[in-house]
């Protein structure tokens, strides 16, 4: 049983704070890697996930990218930390949580894409002007911040 599952056994559906990391991974042509998720089914998002006990957020980012895409991250640059009242969610099972997401970017990676079919329906690169519309809302905010930083 994982850490979050253990916490949920203690608190039920009451609100908790979850910490995770997401990565804007950019290839040599400037395209962004997105993952079409199995949950919520068909929604596109950045590779990433929840922190495990003993991890730094950088370790979380690298582990999640490897698990979800098969790619190894060599270095990360901080985009921003996303948190607050606008990052409250209720899962389909009724679990309530406030999400703290540390967002990173990188173009320093290696390997070949390997899709983990338990978490992803598809993983592919998109031109920044042609991102899917069915996108995780918080990841849209991360991408907006990333693009703003690229303009300066």
C-alpha atoms as a PDB file:
ATOM      1  CA  UNK A   1       0.000   0.000   0.000  1.00  0.00           C
ATOM      2  CA  UNK A   2       1.311   3.432  -0.962  1.00  0.00           C
ATOM      3  CA  UNK A   3       1.680   6.507   1.187  1.00  0.00           C
ATOM      4  CA  UNK A   4      -1.432   8.281  -0.125  1.00  0.00           C
ATOM      5  CA  UNK A   5      -3.534   5.153   0.320  1.00  0.00           C
ATOM      6  CA  UNK A   6      -2.340   4.893   3.943  1.00  0.00           C
ATOM      7  CA  UNK A   7      -3.262   8.541   4.594  1.00  0.00           C
ATOM      8  CA  UNK A   8      -6.672   8.020   3.019  1.00  0.00           C
ATOM      9  CA  UNK A   9      -7.347   5.074   5.349  1.00  0.00           C
ATOM     10  CA  UNK A  10      -6.816   7.455   8.260  1.00  0.00           C
ATOM     11  CA  UNK A  11      -8.664  10.549   7.026  1.00  0.00           C
ATOM     12  CA  UNK A  12     -11.241   9.172   4.613  1.00  0.00           C
ATOM     13  CA  UNK A  13     -12.371  11.692   2.008  1.00  0.00           C
ATOM     14  CA  UNK A  14     -11.390  14.797   4.057  1.00  0.00           C
ATOM     15  CA  UNK A  15      -9.146  17.343   2.316  1.00  0.00           C
ATOM     16  CA  UNK A  16      -5.415  16.663   2.312  1.00  0.00           C
ATOM     17  CA  UNK A  17      -2.451  18.404   0.710  1.00  0.00           C
ATOM     18  CA  UNK A  18      -0.720  16.503  -2.088  1.00  0.00           C
ATOM     19  CA  UNK A  19       2.652  17.461  -3.539  1.00  0.00           C
ATOM     20  CA  UNK A  20       3.612  16.547  -7.053  1.00  0.00           C
ATOM     21  CA  UNK A  21       5.848  17.475  -9.946  1.00  0.00           C
ATOM     22  CA  UNK A  22       5.191  17.970 -13.652  1.00  0.00           C
ATOM     23  CA  UNK A  23       7.660  18.395 -16.499  1.00  0.00           C
ATOM     24  CA  UNK A  24       7.475  20.417 -19.716  1.00  0.00           C
ATOM     25  CA  UNK A  25       9.756  18.298 -21.883  1.00  0.00           C
ATOM     26  CA  UNK A  26      10.812  20.033 -25.122  1.00  0.00           C
ATOM     27  CA  UNK A  27      12.431  18.271 -28.076  1.00  0.00           C
ATOM     28  CA  UNK A  28      15.004  19.701 -30.485  1.00  0.00           C
ATOM     29  CA  UNK A  29      12.275  21.179 -32.724  1.00  0.00           C
ATOM     30  CA  UNK A  30      10.513  22.951 -29.831  1.00  0.00           C
ATOM     31  CA  UNK A  31       7.620  20.497 -29.564  1.00  0.00           C
ATOM     32  CA  UNK A  32       6.129  19.674 -26.133  1.00  0.00           C
ATOM     33  CA  UNK A  33       5.711  16.101 -24.867  1.00  0.00           C
ATOM     34  CA  UNK A  34       2.206  15.293 -23.636  1.00  0.00           C
ATOM     35  CA  UNK A  35       0.687  12.134 -22.245  1.00  0.00           C
ATOM     36  CA  UNK A  36      -2.878  11.054 -23.005  1.00  0.00           C
ATOM     37  CA  UNK A  37      -3.960   9.693 -19.646  1.00  0.00           C
ATOM     38  CA  UNK A  38      -5.987   6.634 -18.798  1.00  0.00           C
ATOM     39  CA  UNK A  39      -7.451   8.688 -15.888  1.00  0.00           C
ATOM     40  CA  UNK A  40      -9.206  10.942 -16.459  1.00  0.00           C
ATOM     41  CA  UNK A  41      -9.708   8.891 -19.611  1.00  0.00           C
ATOM     42  CA  UNK A  42      -8.381  10.551 -22.731  1.00  0.00           C
ATOM     43  CA  UNK A  43      -7.288  13.815 -21.094  1.00  0.00           C
ATOM     44  CA  UNK A  44      -3.873  15.089 -22.155  1.00  0.00           C
ATOM     45  CA  UNK A  45      -1.323  16.324 -19.646  1.00  0.00           C
ATOM     46  CA  UNK A  46       2.318  16.768 -18.835  1.00  0.00           C
ATOM     47  CA  UNK A  47       4.280  13.816 -17.500  1.00  0.00           C
ATOM     48  CA  UNK A  48       4.360  13.941 -13.727  1.00  0.00           C
ATOM     49  CA  UNK A  49       2.887  12.636 -10.541  1.00  0.00           C
ATOM     50  CA  UNK A  50       2.866  12.573  -6.770  1.00  0.00           C
ATOM     51  CA  UNK A  51       5.878  12.688  -4.493  1.00  0.00           C
ATOM     52  CA  UNK A  52       6.799   9.572  -2.524  1.00  0.00           C
ATOM     53  CA  UNK A  53       8.249   9.630   0.990  1.00  0.00           C
ATOM     54  CA  UNK A  54      11.936  10.572   0.989  1.00  0.00           C
ATOM     55  CA  UNK A  55      11.943  12.100  -2.501  1.00  0.00           C
ATOM     56  CA  UNK A  56      12.808  15.615  -3.541  1.00  0.00           C
ATOM     57  CA  UNK A  57      10.484  17.167  -6.108  1.00  0.00           C
ATOM     58  CA  UNK A  58      13.286  16.862  -8.680  1.00  0.00           C
ATOM     59  CA  UNK A  59      13.506  13.137  -7.950  1.00  0.00           C
ATOM     60  CA  UNK A  60       9.724  12.882  -8.305  1.00  0.00           C
ATOM     61  CA  UNK A  61       9.825  14.639 -11.677  1.00  0.00           C
ATOM     62  CA  UNK A  62      12.572  12.385 -13.021  1.00  0.00           C
ATOM     63  CA  UNK A  63      10.966   9.184 -11.694  1.00  0.00           C
ATOM     64  CA  UNK A  64       7.536  10.037 -13.083  1.00  0.00           C
ATOM     65  CA  UNK A  65       8.890  10.960 -16.532  1.00  0.00           C
ATOM     66  CA  UNK A  66      10.833   7.690 -16.646  1.00  0.00           C
ATOM     67  CA  UNK A  67       7.834   5.614 -15.500  1.00  0.00           C
ATOM     68  CA  UNK A  68       5.384   7.284 -17.888  1.00  0.00           C
ATOM     69  CA  UNK A  69       7.549   7.813 -20.980  1.00  0.00           C
ATOM     70  CA  UNK A  70      10.736   5.741 -20.667  1.00  0.00           C
ATOM     71  CA  UNK A  71      12.844   8.907 -21.003  1.00  0.00           C
ATOM     72  CA  UNK A  72      15.722   9.747 -18.647  1.00  0.00           C
ATOM     73  CA  UNK A  73      15.983  13.377 -17.505  1.00  0.00           C
ATOM     74  CA  UNK A  74      19.499  14.790 -17.133  1.00  0.00           C
ATOM     75  CA  UNK A  75      18.677  18.267 -15.813  1.00  0.00           C
ATOM     76  CA  UNK A  76      15.654  20.355 -14.823  1.00  0.00           C
ATOM     77  CA  UNK A  77      14.858  24.066 -14.682  1.00  0.00           C
ATOM     78  CA  UNK A  78      12.206  25.334 -12.282  1.00  0.00           C
ATOM     79  CA  UNK A  79       9.192  26.980 -13.931  1.00  0.00           C
ATOM     80  CA  UNK A  80       7.161  27.789 -10.815  1.00  0.00           C
ATOM     81  CA  UNK A  81       5.197  26.383  -7.884  1.00  0.00           C
ATOM     82  CA  UNK A  82       1.429  26.182  -8.369  1.00  0.00           C
ATOM     83  CA  UNK A  83      -0.785  26.052  -5.263  1.00  0.00           C
ATOM     84  CA  UNK A  84      -3.624  27.748  -3.449  1.00  0.00           C
ATOM     85  CA  UNK A  85      -7.416  27.736  -3.332  1.00  0.00           C
ATOM     86  CA  UNK A  86      -7.713  27.388  -7.120  1.00  0.00           C
ATOM     87  CA  UNK A  87      -5.896  24.049  -6.910  1.00  0.00           C
ATOM     88  CA  UNK A  88      -8.571  22.252  -4.875  1.00  0.00           C
ATOM     89  CA  UNK A  89     -10.118  19.133  -6.407  1.00  0.00           C
ATOM     90  CA  UNK A  90     -12.514  16.362  -5.597  1.00  0.00           C
ATOM     91  CA  UNK A  91     -11.729  12.998  -7.171  1.00  0.00           C
ATOM     92  CA  UNK A  92     -14.471  10.819  -8.653  1.00  0.00           C
ATOM     93  CA  UNK A  93     -14.406   8.684  -5.479  1.00  0.00           C
ATOM     94  CA  UNK A  94     -15.024  11.754  -3.285  1.00  0.00           C
ATOM     95  CA  UNK A  95     -11.437  12.249  -2.074  1.00  0.00           C
ATOM     96  CA  UNK A  96     -10.751  15.967  -1.554  1.00  0.00           C
ATOM     97  CA  UNK A  97      -7.305  17.467  -1.976  1.00  0.00           C
ATOM     98  CA  UNK A  98      -5.314  20.646  -2.450  1.00  0.00           C
ATOM     99  CA  UNK A  99      -2.586  20.143  -5.017  1.00  0.00           C
ATOM    100  CA  UNK A 100       0.871  21.716  -4.787  1.00  0.00           C
ATOM    101  CA  UNK A 101       2.601  21.203  -8.128  1.00  0.00           C
ATOM    102  CA  UNK A 102       6.238  22.040  -8.712  1.00  0.00           C
ATOM    103  CA  UNK A 103       6.682  22.491 -12.459  1.00  0.00           C
ATOM    104  CA  UNK A 104       9.959  22.005 -14.284  1.00  0.00           C
ATOM    105  CA  UNK A 105      11.141  22.166 -17.872  1.00  0.00           C
ATOM    106  CA  UNK A 106      13.897  20.385 -19.716  1.00  0.00           C
ATOM    107  CA  UNK A 107      15.273  19.679 -23.143  1.00  0.00           C
ATOM    108  CA  UNK A 108      18.092  17.633 -21.607  1.00  0.00           C
ATOM    109  CA  UNK A 109      16.846  14.057 -21.792  1.00  0.00           C
ATOM    110  CA  UNK A 110      17.703  10.774 -23.481  1.00  0.00           C
ATOM    111  CA  UNK A 111      16.089   7.518 -24.465  1.00  0.00           C
ATOM    112  CA  UNK A 112      13.199   6.363 -26.597  1.00  0.00           C
ATOM    113  CA  UNK A 113       9.554   6.807 -25.712  1.00  0.00           C
ATOM    114  CA  UNK A 114       8.018   3.730 -24.122  1.00  0.00           C
ATOM    115  CA  UNK A 115       4.380   4.056 -23.141  1.00  0.00           C
ATOM    116  CA  UNK A 116       3.230   2.679 -19.774  1.00  0.00           C
ATOM    117  CA  UNK A 117      -0.241   1.498 -20.792  1.00  0.00           C
ATOM    118  CA  UNK A 118      -1.457   1.435 -17.178  1.00  0.00           C
ATOM    119  CA  UNK A 119      -1.139   5.248 -17.044  1.00  0.00           C
ATOM    120  CA  UNK A 120      -1.105   6.370 -20.665  1.00  0.00           C
ATOM    121  CA  UNK A 121      -3.109   5.819 -23.813  1.00  0.00           C
ATOM    122  CA  UNK A 122      -0.594   7.773 -25.899  1.00  0.00           C
ATOM    123  CA  UNK A 123       2.569   9.858 -25.483  1.00  0.00           C
ATOM    124  CA  UNK A 124       3.671  12.249 -28.199  1.00  0.00           C
ATOM    125  CA  UNK A 125       5.167  15.621 -29.021  1.00  0.00           C
ATOM    126  CA  UNK A 126       2.950  18.551 -30.054  1.00  0.00           C
ATOM    127  CA  UNK A 127       3.754  21.860 -31.701  1.00  0.00           C
ATOM    128  CA  UNK A 128       3.146  24.596 -29.083  1.00  0.00           C
ATOM    129  CA  UNK A 129       0.477  26.162 -31.322  1.00  0.00           C
ATOM    130  CA  UNK A 130      -1.353  22.855 -31.798  1.00  0.00           C
ATOM    131  CA  UNK A 131      -1.844  21.517 -28.273  1.00  0.00           C
ATOM    132  CA  UNK A 132      -4.913  19.351 -27.625  1.00  0.00           C
ATOM    133  CA  UNK A 133      -7.963  21.149 -26.230  1.00  0.00           C
ATOM    134  CA  UNK A 134      -8.827  18.312 -23.819  1.00  0.00           C
ATOM    135  CA  UNK A 135      -5.946  19.203 -21.468  1.00  0.00           C
ATOM    136  CA  UNK A 136      -5.594  19.017 -17.672  1.00  0.00           C
ATOM    137  CA  UNK A 137      -6.499  22.547 -16.504  1.00  0.00           C
ATOM    138  CA  UNK A 138      -3.579  22.977 -14.126  1.00  0.00           C
ATOM    139  CA  UNK A 139      -1.194  21.797 -16.839  1.00  0.00           C
ATOM    140  CA  UNK A 140      -2.561  24.453 -19.171  1.00  0.00           C
ATOM    141  CA  UNK A 141      -1.536  27.028 -16.504  1.00  0.00           C
ATOM    142  CA  UNK A 142       1.942  25.484 -16.298  1.00  0.00           C
ATOM    143  CA  UNK A 143       2.337  25.649 -20.070  1.00  0.00           C
ATOM    144  CA  UNK A 144       1.158  29.282 -20.141  1.00  0.00           C
ATOM    145  CA  UNK A 145       3.780  30.194 -17.522  1.00  0.00           C
ATOM    146  CA  UNK A 146       6.449  28.253 -19.435  1.00  0.00           C
ATOM    147  CA  UNK A 147       5.625  30.046 -22.708  1.00  0.00           C
ATOM    148  CA  UNK A 148       5.668  33.437 -20.923  1.00  0.00           C
ATOM    149  CA  UNK A 149       9.157  32.673 -19.591  1.00  0.00           C
ATOM    150  CA  UNK A 150      10.354  31.710 -23.076  1.00  0.00           C
ATOM    151  CA  UNK A 151       9.293  35.127 -24.415  1.00  0.00           C
ATOM    152  CA  UNK A 152      11.516  37.031 -21.962  1.00  0.00           C
END
